[in-house]
Amino acid sequence: MKISRLISVISLLGFFATSAAFAVSEEVEDQLLEKAIVESAVTKEQKTAVGNYLKAIAQQKATRSEELRELARRSTGGKFVTSNVQSQKYLRQAQALEKEAQRYQSVLGNL
């Protein structure tokens, strides 16, 4: 009896662990990882390494944002509506990346 109950509890936990009830968005996951990295940096060398990492990530996101903005300005040669939709998609992605880059810069400033 106890073994069957234990098996059912374990299988329920396994089900819930793989379900969307415990899903965390990628952005939240990144923020939690950044917070853990920043809080774990105690020595000057560790803080320098974390600062360099955050600076590099912010630079990558800013560079990719510029690339997307350039793609949005470029004509694809297709129909206007399709081209416009694609351009808007690139602009939204660029804005999201710029927002992330600013967040990295603010975390870097608080380090």
PDB file of N, CA and C in Angstrom:
ATOM      1  N   MET A   1       0.824  -1.196   0.000  1.00  0.00           N
ATOM      2  CA  MET A   1       0.000   0.000   0.000  1.00  0.00           C
ATOM      3  C   MET A   1       0.870   1.264   0.000  1.00  0.00           C
ATOM      4  N   LYS A   2       1.860   1.288   0.878  1.00  0.00           N
ATOM      5  CA  LYS A   2       2.718   2.466   0.953  1.00  0.00           C
ATOM      6  C   LYS A   2       3.547   2.619  -0.313  1.00  0.00           C
ATOM      7  N   ILE A   3       3.968   1.508  -0.886  1.00  0.00           N
ATOM      8  CA  ILE A   3       4.781   1.564  -2.098  1.00  0.00           C
ATOM      9  C   ILE A   3       3.963   2.104  -3.262  1.00  0.00           C
ATOM     10  N   SER A   4       2.720   1.663  -3.392  1.00  0.00           N
ATOM     11  CA  SER A   4       1.884   2.157  -4.492  1.00  0.00           C
ATOM     12  C   SER A   4       1.575   3.641  -4.318  1.00  0.00           C
ATOM     13  N   ARG A   5       1.386   4.054  -3.085  1.00  0.00           N
ATOM     14  CA  ARG A   5       1.132   5.479  -2.822  1.00  0.00           C
ATOM     15  C   ARG A   5       2.381   6.297  -3.148  1.00  0.00           C
ATOM     16  N   LEU A   6       3.538   5.778  -2.779  1.00  0.00           N
ATOM     17  CA  LEU A   6       4.793   6.457  -3.068  1.00  0.00           C
ATOM     18  C   LEU A   6       5.021   6.569  -4.574  1.00  0.00           C
ATOM     19  N   ILE A   7       4.734   5.506  -5.294  1.00  0.00           N
ATOM     20  CA  ILE A   7       4.882   5.519  -6.750  1.00  0.00           C
ATOM     21  C   ILE A   7       3.928   6.524  -7.380  1.00  0.00           C
ATOM     22  N   SER A   8       2.700   6.578  -6.889  1.00  0.00           N
ATOM     23  CA  SER A   8       1.740   7.530  -7.459  1.00  0.00           C
ATOM     24  C   SER A   8       2.147   8.973  -7.166  1.00  0.00           C
ATOM     25  N   VAL A   9       2.670   9.226  -5.976  1.00  0.00           N
ATOM     26  CA  VAL A   9       3.121  10.580  -5.634  1.00  0.00           C
ATOM     27  C   VAL A   9       4.309  10.973  -6.507  1.00  0.00           C
ATOM     28  N   ILE A  10       5.246  10.054  -6.695  1.00  0.00           N
ATOM     29  CA  ILE A  10       6.411  10.339  -7.533  1.00  0.00           C
ATOM     30  C   ILE A  10       5.996  10.587  -8.973  1.00  0.00           C
ATOM     31  N   SER A  11       5.066   9.797  -9.479  1.00  0.00           N
ATOM     32  CA  SER A  11       4.626  10.004 -10.861  1.00  0.00           C
ATOM     33  C   SER A  11       3.861  11.315 -11.004  1.00  0.00           C
ATOM     34  N   LEU A  12       3.082  11.705 -10.002  1.00  0.00           N
ATOM     35  CA  LEU A  12       2.402  13.004 -10.052  1.00  0.00           C
ATOM     36  C   LEU A  12       3.417  14.146 -10.034  1.00  0.00           C
ATOM     37  N   LEU A  13       4.424  14.025  -9.183  1.00  0.00           N
ATOM     38  CA  LEU A  13       5.459  15.058  -9.148  1.00  0.00           C
ATOM     39  C   LEU A  13       6.198  15.135 -10.474  1.00  0.00           C
ATOM     40  N   GLY A  14       6.460  13.998 -11.075  1.00  0.00           N
ATOM     41  CA  GLY A  14       7.105  13.979 -12.386  1.00  0.00           C
ATOM     42  C   GLY A  14       6.247  14.641 -13.440  1.00  0.00           C
ATOM     43  N   PHE A  15       4.944  14.396 -13.373  1.00  0.00           N
ATOM     44  CA  PHE A  15       4.028  15.016 -14.328  1.00  0.00           C
ATOM     45  C   PHE A  15       4.013  16.526 -14.161  1.00  0.00           C
ATOM     46  N   PHE A  16       3.900  16.985 -12.904  1.00  0.00           N
ATOM     47  CA  PHE A  16       3.847  18.422 -12.671  1.00  0.00           C
ATOM     48  C   PHE A  16       5.178  19.104 -12.982  1.00  0.00           C
ATOM     49  N   ALA A  17       6.267  18.401 -12.779  1.00  0.00           N
ATOM     50  CA  ALA A  17       7.574  18.999 -13.069  1.00  0.00           C
ATOM     51  C   ALA A  17       7.761  19.234 -14.559  1.00  0.00           C
ATOM     52  N   THR A  18       7.128  18.413 -15.386  1.00  0.00           N
ATOM     53  CA  THR A  18       7.264  18.581 -16.832  1.00  0.00           C
ATOM     54  C   THR A  18       6.132  19.390 -17.434  1.00  0.00           C
ATOM     55  N   SER A  19       5.143  19.743 -16.646  1.00  0.00           N
ATOM     56  CA  SER A  19       4.011  20.491 -17.195  1.00  0.00           C
ATOM     57  C   SER A  19       4.319  21.978 -17.227  1.00  0.00           C
ATOM     58  N   ALA A  20       3.447  22.723 -17.858  1.00  0.00           N
ATOM     59  CA  ALA A  20       3.628  24.168 -18.010  1.00  0.00           C
ATOM     60  C   ALA A  20       3.355  24.919 -16.716  1.00  0.00           C
ATOM     61  N   ALA A  21       2.824  24.241 -15.701  1.00  0.00           N
ATOM     62  CA  ALA A  21       2.538  24.903 -14.439  1.00  0.00           C
ATOM     63  C   ALA A  21       3.813  25.449 -13.806  1.00  0.00           C
ATOM     64  N   PHE A  22       4.936  24.806 -14.045  1.00  0.00           N
ATOM     65  CA  PHE A  22       6.198  25.237 -13.481  1.00  0.00           C
ATOM     66  C   PHE A  22       7.097  25.891 -14.523  1.00  0.00           C
ATOM     67  N   ALA A  23       6.544  26.227 -15.651  1.00  0.00           N
ATOM     68  CA  ALA A  23       7.346  26.810 -16.718  1.00  0.00           C
ATOM     69  C   ALA A  23       7.740  28.238 -16.357  1.00  0.00           C
ATOM     70  N   VAL A  24       8.964  28.584 -16.673  1.00  0.00           N
ATOM     71  CA  VAL A  24       9.478  29.923 -16.444  1.00  0.00           C
ATOM     72  C   VAL A  24       9.924  30.457 -17.794  1.00  0.00           C
ATOM     73  N   SER A  25       9.551  31.692 -18.070  1.00  0.00           N
ATOM     74  CA  SER A  25       9.939  32.251 -19.360  1.00  0.00           C
ATOM     75  C   SER A  25      11.456  32.406 -19.431  1.00  0.00           C
ATOM     76  N   GLU A  26      11.952  32.450 -20.633  1.00  0.00           N
ATOM     77  CA  GLU A  26      13.397  32.559 -20.841  1.00  0.00           C
ATOM     78  C   GLU A  26      13.932  33.866 -20.267  1.00  0.00           C
ATOM     79  N   GLU A  27      13.146  34.919 -20.373  1.00  0.00           N
ATOM     80  CA  GLU A  27      13.584  36.217 -19.851  1.00  0.00           C
ATOM     81  C   GLU A  27      13.712  36.181 -18.330  1.00  0.00           C
ATOM     82  N   VAL A  28      12.722  35.573 -17.665  1.00  0.00           N
ATOM     83  CA  VAL A  28      12.770  35.472 -16.207  1.00  0.00           C
ATOM     84  C   VAL A  28      13.936  34.589 -15.781  1.00  0.00           C
ATOM     85  N   GLU A  29      14.146  33.512 -16.519  1.00  0.00           N
ATOM     86  CA  GLU A  29      15.261  32.617 -16.220  1.00  0.00           C
ATOM     87  C   GLU A  29      16.588  33.356 -16.347  1.00  0.00           C
ATOM     88  N   ASP A  30      16.737  34.151 -17.400  1.00  0.00           N
ATOM     89  CA  ASP A  30      17.964  34.933 -17.587  1.00  0.00           C
ATOM     90  C   ASP A  30      18.164  35.931 -16.454  1.00  0.00           C
ATOM     91  N   GLN A  31      17.083  36.587 -16.042  1.00  0.00           N
ATOM     92  CA  GLN A  31      17.184  37.560 -14.960  1.00  0.00           C
ATOM     93  C   GLN A  31      17.595  36.894 -13.651  1.00  0.00           C
ATOM     94  N   LEU A  32      17.038  35.715 -13.383  1.00  0.00           N
ATOM     95  CA  LEU A  32      17.401  35.003 -12.161  1.00  0.00           C
ATOM     96  C   LEU A  32      18.859  34.553 -12.188  1.00  0.00           C
ATOM     97  N   LEU A  33      19.310  34.099 -13.351  1.00  0.00           N
ATOM     98  CA  LEU A  33      20.715  33.697 -13.471  1.00  0.00           C
ATOM     99  C   LEU A  33      21.648  34.891 -13.298  1.00  0.00           C
ATOM    100  N   GLU A  34      21.289  36.021 -13.899  1.00  0.00           N
ATOM    101  CA  GLU A  34      22.102  37.230 -13.753  1.00  0.00           C
ATOM    102  C   GLU A  34      22.170  37.659 -12.297  1.00  0.00           C
ATOM    103  N   LYS A  35      21.026  37.623 -11.641  1.00  0.00           N
ATOM    104  CA  LYS A  35      20.972  38.017 -10.235  1.00  0.00           C
ATOM    105  C   LYS A  35      21.869  37.113  -9.399  1.00  0.00           C
ATOM    106  N   ALA A  36      21.813  35.814  -9.668  1.00  0.00           N
ATOM    107  CA  ALA A  36      22.654  34.871  -8.925  1.00  0.00           C
ATOM    108  C   ALA A  36      24.134  35.121  -9.198  1.00  0.00           C
ATOM    109  N   ILE A  37      24.473  35.398 -10.443  1.00  0.00           N
ATOM    110  CA  ILE A  37      25.875  35.654 -10.794  1.00  0.00           C
ATOM    111  C   ILE A  37      26.369  36.924 -10.111  1.00  0.00           C
ATOM    112  N   VAL A  38      25.557  37.977 -10.154  1.00  0.00           N
ATOM    113  CA  VAL A  38      25.966  39.249  -9.558  1.00  0.00           C
ATOM    114  C   VAL A  38      26.095  39.114  -8.047  1.00  0.00           C
ATOM    115  N   GLU A  39      25.139  38.429  -7.417  1.00  0.00           N
ATOM    116  CA  GLU A  39      25.184  38.283  -5.966  1.00  0.00           C
ATOM    117  C   GLU A  39      26.329  37.385  -5.511  1.00  0.00           C
ATOM    118  N   SER A  40      26.742  36.458  -6.351  1.00  0.00           N
ATOM    119  CA  SER A  40      27.826  35.555  -5.956  1.00  0.00           C
ATOM    120  C   SER A  40      29.200  36.186  -6.140  1.00  0.00           C
ATOM    121  N   ALA A  41      29.280  37.285  -6.862  1.00  0.00           N
ATOM    122  CA  ALA A  41      30.568  37.961  -7.071  1.00  0.00           C
ATOM    123  C   ALA A  41      30.926  38.741  -5.813  1.00  0.00           C
ATOM    124  N   VAL A  42      31.975  38.287  -5.130  1.00  0.00           N
ATOM    125  CA  VAL A  42      32.361  38.898  -3.867  1.00  0.00           C
ATOM    126  C   VAL A  42      33.684  39.653  -3.999  1.00  0.00           C
ATOM    127  N   THR A  43      34.667  39.008  -4.579  1.00  0.00           N
ATOM    128  CA  THR A  43      35.983  39.636  -4.681  1.00  0.00           C
ATOM    129  C   THR A  43      36.024  40.611  -5.856  1.00  0.00           C
ATOM    130  N   LYS A  44      37.058  41.420  -5.863  1.00  0.00           N
ATOM    131  CA  LYS A  44      37.209  42.403  -6.937  1.00  0.00           C
ATOM    132  C   LYS A  44      37.370  41.716  -8.288  1.00  0.00           C
ATOM    133  N   GLU A  45      38.117  40.613  -8.323  1.00  0.00           N
ATOM    134  CA  GLU A  45      38.333  39.879  -9.571  1.00  0.00           C
ATOM    135  C   GLU A  45      37.031  39.291 -10.098  1.00  0.00           C
ATOM    136  N   GLN A  46      36.227  38.750  -9.182  1.00  0.00           N
ATOM    137  CA  GLN A  46      34.940  38.187  -9.586  1.00  0.00           C
ATOM    138  C   GLN A  46      34.022  39.276 -10.132  1.00  0.00           C
ATOM    139  N   LYS A  47      34.003  40.415  -9.467  1.00  0.00           N
ATOM    140  CA  LYS A  47      33.161  41.516  -9.934  1.00  0.00           C
ATOM    141  C   LYS A  47      33.629  42.025 -11.290  1.00  0.00           C
ATOM    142  N   THR A  48      34.940  42.050 -11.499  1.00  0.00           N
ATOM    143  CA  THR A  48      35.476  42.461 -12.798  1.00  0.00           C
ATOM    144  C   THR A  48      35.062  41.479 -13.882  1.00  0.00           C
ATOM    145  N   ALA A  49      35.152  40.191 -13.570  1.00  0.00           N
ATOM    146  CA  ALA A  49      34.767  39.162 -14.545  1.00  0.00           C
ATOM    147  C   ALA A  49      33.283  39.247 -14.871  1.00  0.00           C
ATOM    148  N   VAL A  50      32.448  39.435 -13.856  1.00  0.00           N
ATOM    149  CA  VAL A  50      31.007  39.561 -14.082  1.00  0.00           C
ATOM    150  C   VAL A  50      30.719  40.823 -14.882  1.00  0.00           C
ATOM    151  N   GLY A  51      31.407  41.907 -14.557  1.00  0.00           N
ATOM    152  CA  GLY A  51      31.232  43.152 -15.300  1.00  0.00           C
ATOM    153  C   GLY A  51      31.602  43.004 -16.764  1.00  0.00           C
ATOM    154  N   ASN A  52      32.713  42.324 -17.024  1.00  0.00           N
ATOM    155  CA  ASN A  52      33.120  42.087 -18.414  1.00  0.00           C
ATOM    156  C   ASN A  52      32.100  41.225 -19.147  1.00  0.00           C
ATOM    157  N   TYR A  53      31.570  40.223 -18.460  1.00  0.00           N
ATOM    158  CA  TYR A  53      30.553  39.351 -19.060  1.00  0.00           C
ATOM    159  C   TYR A  53      29.298  40.152 -19.409  1.00  0.00           C
ATOM    160  N   LEU A  54      28.811  40.942 -18.459  1.00  0.00           N
ATOM    161  CA  LEU A  54      27.599  41.726 -18.699  1.00  0.00           C
ATOM    162  C   LEU A  54      27.814  42.752 -19.806  1.00  0.00           C
ATOM    163  N   LYS A  55      28.996  43.352 -19.832  1.00  0.00           N
ATOM    164  CA  LYS A  55      29.308  44.327 -20.873  1.00  0.00           C
ATOM    165  C   LYS A  55      29.324  43.666 -22.252  1.00  0.00           C
ATOM    166  N   ALA A  56      29.900  42.469 -22.328  1.00  0.00           N
ATOM    167  CA  ALA A  56      29.959  41.742 -23.605  1.00  0.00           C
ATOM    168  C   ALA A  56      28.564  41.345 -24.076  1.00  0.00           C
ATOM    169  N   ILE A  57      27.727  40.884 -23.164  1.00  0.00           N
ATOM    170  CA  ILE A  57      26.359  40.499 -23.531  1.00  0.00           C
ATOM    171  C   ILE A  57      25.580  41.719 -24.007  1.00  0.00           C
ATOM    172  N   ALA A  58      25.714  42.839 -23.298  1.00  0.00           N
ATOM    173  CA  ALA A  58      25.021  44.064 -23.708  1.00  0.00           C
ATOM    174  C   ALA A  58      25.485  44.511 -25.087  1.00  0.00           C
ATOM    175  N   GLN A  59      26.777  44.405 -25.352  1.00  0.00           N
ATOM    176  CA  GLN A  59      27.311  44.789 -26.661  1.00  0.00           C
ATOM    177  C   GLN A  59      26.781  43.875 -27.759  1.00  0.00           C
ATOM    178  N   GLN A  60      26.707  42.571 -27.488  1.00  0.00           N
ATOM    179  CA  GLN A  60      26.175  41.628 -28.474  1.00  0.00           C
ATOM    180  C   GLN A  60      24.727  41.952 -28.810  1.00  0.00           C
ATOM    181  N   LYS A  61      23.944  42.253 -27.781  1.00  0.00           N
ATOM    182  CA  LYS A  61      22.532  42.552 -28.011  1.00  0.00           C
ATOM    183  C   LYS A  61      22.367  43.860 -28.774  1.00  0.00           C
ATOM    184  N   ALA A  62      23.184  44.851 -28.467  1.00  0.00           N
ATOM    185  CA  ALA A  62      23.118  46.123 -29.186  1.00  0.00           C
ATOM    186  C   ALA A  62      23.527  45.942 -30.647  1.00  0.00           C
ATOM    187  N   THR A  63      24.548  45.139 -30.887  1.00  0.00           N
ATOM    188  CA  THR A  63      24.996  44.876 -32.258  1.00  0.00           C
ATOM    189  C   THR A  63      23.917  44.156 -33.047  1.00  0.00           C
ATOM    190  N   ARG A  64      23.318  43.155 -32.442  1.00  0.00           N
ATOM    191  CA  ARG A  64      22.247  42.410 -33.124  1.00  0.00           C
ATOM    192  C   ARG A  64      21.042  43.314 -33.369  1.00  0.00           C
ATOM    193  N   SER A  65      20.765  44.218 -32.453  1.00  0.00           N
ATOM    194  CA  SER A  65      19.671  45.163 -32.636  1.00  0.00           C
ATOM    195  C   SER A  65      19.913  46.045 -33.855  1.00  0.00           C
ATOM    196  N   GLU A  66      21.142  46.519 -34.015  1.00  0.00           N
ATOM    197  CA  GLU A  66      21.474  47.329 -35.188  1.00  0.00           C
ATOM    198  C   GLU A  66      21.342  46.522 -36.476  1.00  0.00           C
ATOM    199  N   GLU A  67      21.752  45.251 -36.428  1.00  0.00           N
ATOM    200  CA  GLU A  67      21.609  44.390 -37.607  1.00  0.00           C
ATOM    201  C   GLU A  67      20.138  44.232 -37.986  1.00  0.00           C
ATOM    202  N   LEU A  68      19.283  44.056 -36.989  1.00  0.00           N
ATOM    203  CA  LEU A  68      17.854  43.903 -37.261  1.00  0.00           C
ATOM    204  C   LEU A  68      17.253  45.194 -37.805  1.00  0.00           C
ATOM    205  N   ARG A  69      17.691  46.324 -37.277  1.00  0.00           N
ATOM    206  CA  ARG A  69      17.203  47.607 -37.804  1.00  0.00           C
ATOM    207  C   ARG A  69      17.628  47.786 -39.262  1.00  0.00           C
ATOM    208  N   GLU A  70      18.831  47.357 -39.580  1.00  0.00           N
ATOM    209  CA  GLU A  70      19.301  47.424 -40.969  1.00  0.00           C
ATOM    210  C   GLU A  70      18.462  46.508 -41.859  1.00  0.00           C
ATOM    211  N   LEU A  71      18.143  45.326 -41.374  1.00  0.00           N
ATOM    212  CA  LEU A  71      17.282  44.418 -42.140  1.00  0.00           C
ATOM    213  C   LEU A  71      15.891  45.012 -42.343  1.00  0.00           C
ATOM    214  N   ALA A  72      15.395  45.735 -41.343  1.00  0.00           N
ATOM    215  CA  ALA A  72      14.073  46.351 -41.455  1.00  0.00           C
ATOM    216  C   ALA A  72      14.067  47.441 -42.523  1.00  0.00           C
ATOM    217  N   ARG A  73      15.186  48.140 -42.693  1.00  0.00           N
ATOM    218  CA  ARG A  73      15.261  49.200 -43.703  1.00  0.00           C
ATOM    219  C   ARG A  73      15.445  48.642 -45.112  1.00  0.00           C
ATOM    220  N   ARG A  74      15.951  47.448 -45.210  1.00  0.00           N
ATOM    221  CA  ARG A  74      16.256  46.845 -46.503  1.00  0.00           C
ATOM    222  C   ARG A  74      14.981  46.329 -47.167  1.00  0.00           C
ATOM    223  N   SER A  75      14.870  46.522 -48.456  1.00  0.00           N
ATOM    224  CA  SER A  75      13.724  46.030 -49.215  1.00  0.00           C
ATOM    225  C   SER A  75      13.980  44.587 -49.629  1.00  0.00           C
ATOM    226  N   THR A  76      12.965  43.744 -49.440  1.00  0.00           N
ATOM    227  CA  THR A  76      13.119  42.332 -49.797  1.00  0.00           C
ATOM    228  C   THR A  76      12.662  42.054 -51.218  1.00  0.00           C
ATOM    229  N   GLY A  77      12.029  43.007 -51.853  1.00  0.00           N
ATOM    230  CA  GLY A  77      11.597  42.833 -53.235  1.00  0.00           C
ATOM    231  C   GLY A  77      10.271  42.118 -53.373  1.00  0.00           C
ATOM    232  N   GLY A  78       9.627  41.812 -52.272  1.00  0.00           N
ATOM    233  CA  GLY A  78       8.334  41.138 -52.337  1.00  0.00           C
ATOM    234  C   GLY A  78       7.199  42.137 -52.358  1.00  0.00           C
ATOM    235  N   LYS A  79       6.026  41.657 -52.050  1.00  0.00           N
ATOM    236  CA  LYS A  79       4.869  42.543 -51.978  1.00  0.00           C
ATOM    237  C   LYS A  79       5.024  43.494 -50.799  1.00  0.00           C
ATOM    238  N   PHE A  80       4.395  44.653 -50.919  1.00  0.00           N
ATOM    239  CA  PHE A  80       4.547  45.693 -49.912  1.00  0.00           C
ATOM    240  C   PHE A  80       4.068  45.225 -48.546  1.00  0.00           C
ATOM    241  N   VAL A  81       2.913  44.590 -48.490  1.00  0.00           N
ATOM    242  CA  VAL A  81       2.343  44.178 -47.203  1.00  0.00           C
ATOM    243  C   VAL A  81       3.259  43.167 -46.512  1.00  0.00           C
ATOM    244  N   THR A  82       3.725  42.192 -47.261  1.00  0.00           N
ATOM    245  CA  THR A  82       4.609  41.176 -46.693  1.00  0.00           C
ATOM    246  C   THR A  82       5.915  41.798 -46.228  1.00  0.00           C
ATOM    247  N   SER A  83       6.460  42.681 -47.036  1.00  0.00           N
ATOM    248  CA  SER A  83       7.702  43.352 -46.685  1.00  0.00           C
ATOM    249  C   SER A  83       7.519  44.222 -45.448  1.00  0.00           C
ATOM    250  N   ASN A  84       6.384  44.904 -45.363  1.00  0.00           N
ATOM    251  CA  ASN A  84       6.095  45.760 -44.223  1.00  0.00           C
ATOM    252  C   ASN A  84       5.953  44.937 -42.944  1.00  0.00           C
ATOM    253  N   VAL A  85       5.279  43.803 -43.029  1.00  0.00           N
ATOM    254  CA  VAL A  85       5.117  42.930 -41.862  1.00  0.00           C
ATOM    255  C   VAL A  85       6.478  42.436 -41.383  1.00  0.00           C
ATOM    256  N   GLN A  86       7.314  42.039 -42.323  1.00  0.00           N
ATOM    257  CA  GLN A  86       8.656  41.560 -41.967  1.00  0.00           C
ATOM    258  C   GLN A  86       9.478  42.680 -41.330  1.00  0.00           C
ATOM    259  N   SER A  87       9.368  43.884 -41.872  1.00  0.00           N
ATOM    260  CA  SER A  87      10.095  45.021 -41.305  1.00  0.00           C
ATOM    261  C   SER A  87       9.635  45.315 -39.884  1.00  0.00           C
ATOM    262  N   GLN A  88       8.331  45.264 -39.665  1.00  0.00           N
ATOM    263  CA  GLN A  88       7.797  45.488 -38.321  1.00  0.00           C
ATOM    264  C   GLN A  88       8.285  44.419 -37.346  1.00  0.00           C
ATOM    265  N   LYS A  89       8.363  43.191 -37.813  1.00  0.00           N
ATOM    266  CA  LYS A  89       8.864  42.097 -36.977  1.00  0.00           C
ATOM    267  C   LYS A  89      10.314  42.366 -36.574  1.00  0.00           C
ATOM    268  N   TYR A  90      11.136  42.772 -37.538  1.00  0.00           N
ATOM    269  CA  TYR A  90      12.533  43.088 -37.245  1.00  0.00           C
ATOM    270  C   TYR A  90      12.645  44.244 -36.252  1.00  0.00           C
ATOM    271  N   LEU A  91      11.794  45.255 -36.423  1.00  0.00           N
ATOM    272  CA  LEU A  91      11.838  46.403 -35.514  1.00  0.00           C
ATOM    273  C   LEU A  91      11.437  46.013 -34.095  1.00  0.00           C
ATOM    274  N   ARG A  92      10.423  45.152 -33.961  1.00  0.00           N
ATOM    275  CA  ARG A  92      10.013  44.691 -32.625  1.00  0.00           C
ATOM    276  C   ARG A  92      11.138  43.897 -31.965  1.00  0.00           C
ATOM    277  N   GLN A  93      11.789  43.047 -32.739  1.00  0.00           N
ATOM    278  CA  GLN A  93      12.909  42.278 -32.194  1.00  0.00           C
ATOM    279  C   GLN A  93      14.055  43.202 -31.787  1.00  0.00           C
ATOM    280  N   ALA A  94      14.312  44.218 -32.593  1.00  0.00           N
ATOM    281  CA  ALA A  94      15.380  45.174 -32.283  1.00  0.00           C
ATOM    282  C   ALA A  94      15.067  45.936 -31.001  1.00  0.00           C
ATOM    283  N   GLN A  95      13.815  46.346 -30.836  1.00  0.00           N
ATOM    284  CA  GLN A  95      13.429  47.059 -29.621  1.00  0.00           C
ATOM    285  C   GLN A  95      13.575  46.172 -28.392  1.00  0.00           C
ATOM    286  N   ALA A  96      13.198  44.908 -28.513  1.00  0.00           N
ATOM    287  CA  ALA A  96      13.333  43.981 -27.390  1.00  0.00           C
ATOM    288  C   ALA A  96      14.806  43.788 -27.025  1.00  0.00           C
ATOM    289  N   LEU A  97      15.656  43.674 -28.032  1.00  0.00           N
ATOM    290  CA  LEU A  97      17.086  43.515 -27.763  1.00  0.00           C
ATOM    291  C   LEU A  97      17.681  44.770 -27.130  1.00  0.00           C
ATOM    292  N   GLU A  98      17.241  45.943 -27.575  1.00  0.00           N
ATOM    293  CA  GLU A  98      17.725  47.184 -26.977  1.00  0.00           C
ATOM    294  C   GLU A  98      17.299  47.284 -25.520  1.00  0.00           C
ATOM    295  N   LYS A  99      16.090  46.844 -25.232  1.00  0.00           N
ATOM    296  CA  LYS A  99      15.599  46.842 -23.851  1.00  0.00           C
ATOM    297  C   LYS A  99      16.454  45.914 -22.989  1.00  0.00           C
ATOM    298  N   GLU A 100      16.776  44.740 -23.515  1.00  0.00           N
ATOM    299  CA  GLU A 100      17.628  43.808 -22.782  1.00  0.00           C
ATOM    300  C   GLU A 100      19.024  44.388 -22.580  1.00  0.00           C
ATOM    301  N   ALA A 101      19.560  45.035 -23.599  1.00  0.00           N
ATOM    302  CA  ALA A 101      20.891  45.639 -23.484  1.00  0.00           C
ATOM    303  C   ALA A 101      20.894  46.726 -22.410  1.00  0.00           C
ATOM    304  N   GLN A 102      19.829  47.515 -22.342  1.00  0.00           N
ATOM    305  CA  GLN A 102      19.725  48.542 -21.308  1.00  0.00           C
ATOM    306  C   GLN A 102      19.640  47.916 -19.919  1.00  0.00           C
ATOM    307  N   ARG A 103      18.928  46.792 -19.832  1.00  0.00           N
ATOM    308  CA  ARG A 103      18.819  46.098 -18.548  1.00  0.00           C
ATOM    309  C   ARG A 103      20.193  45.597 -18.104  1.00  0.00           C
ATOM    310  N   TYR A 104      20.961  45.054 -19.048  1.00  0.00           N
ATOM    311  CA  TYR A 104      22.313  44.601 -18.722  1.00  0.00           C
ATOM    312  C   TYR A 104      23.178  45.773 -18.271  1.00  0.00           C
ATOM    313  N   GLN A 105      23.031  46.916 -18.947  1.00  0.00           N
ATOM    314  CA  GLN A 105      23.809  48.091 -18.562  1.00  0.00           C
ATOM    315  C   GLN A 105      23.430  48.568 -17.158  1.00  0.00           C
ATOM    316  N   SER A 106      22.138  48.508 -16.819  1.00  0.00           N
ATOM    317  CA  SER A 106      21.724  48.936 -15.482  1.00  0.00           C
ATOM    318  C   SER A 106      22.230  47.972 -14.413  1.00  0.00           C
ATOM    319  N   VAL A 107      22.216  46.674 -14.708  1.00  0.00           N
ATOM    320  CA  VAL A 107      22.774  45.698 -13.766  1.00  0.00           C
ATOM    321  C   VAL A 107      24.267  45.946 -13.609  1.00  0.00           C
ATOM    322  N   LEU A 108      24.925  46.257 -14.711  1.00  0.00           N
ATOM    323  CA  LEU A 108      26.358  46.545 -14.685  1.00  0.00           C
ATOM    324  C   LEU A 108      26.634  47.796 -13.848  1.00  0.00           C
ATOM    325  N   GLY A 109      25.758  48.781 -13.955  1.00  0.00           N
ATOM    326  CA  GLY A 109      25.919  49.997 -13.165  1.00  0.00           C
ATOM    327  C   GLY A 109      25.732  49.761 -11.675  1.00  0.00           C
ATOM    328  N   ASN A 110      24.909  48.775 -11.322  1.00  0.00           N
ATOM    329  CA  ASN A 110      24.665  48.461  -9.914  1.00  0.00           C
ATOM    330  C   ASN A 110      25.706  47.516  -9.334  1.00  0.00           C
ATOM    331  N   LEU A 111      26.593  47.031 -10.184  1.00  0.00           N
ATOM    332  CA  LEU A 111      27.616  46.086  -9.727  1.00  0.00           C
ATOM    333  C   LEU A 111      28.660  46.870  -8.992  1.00  0.00           C
TER     334      LEU A 111
END
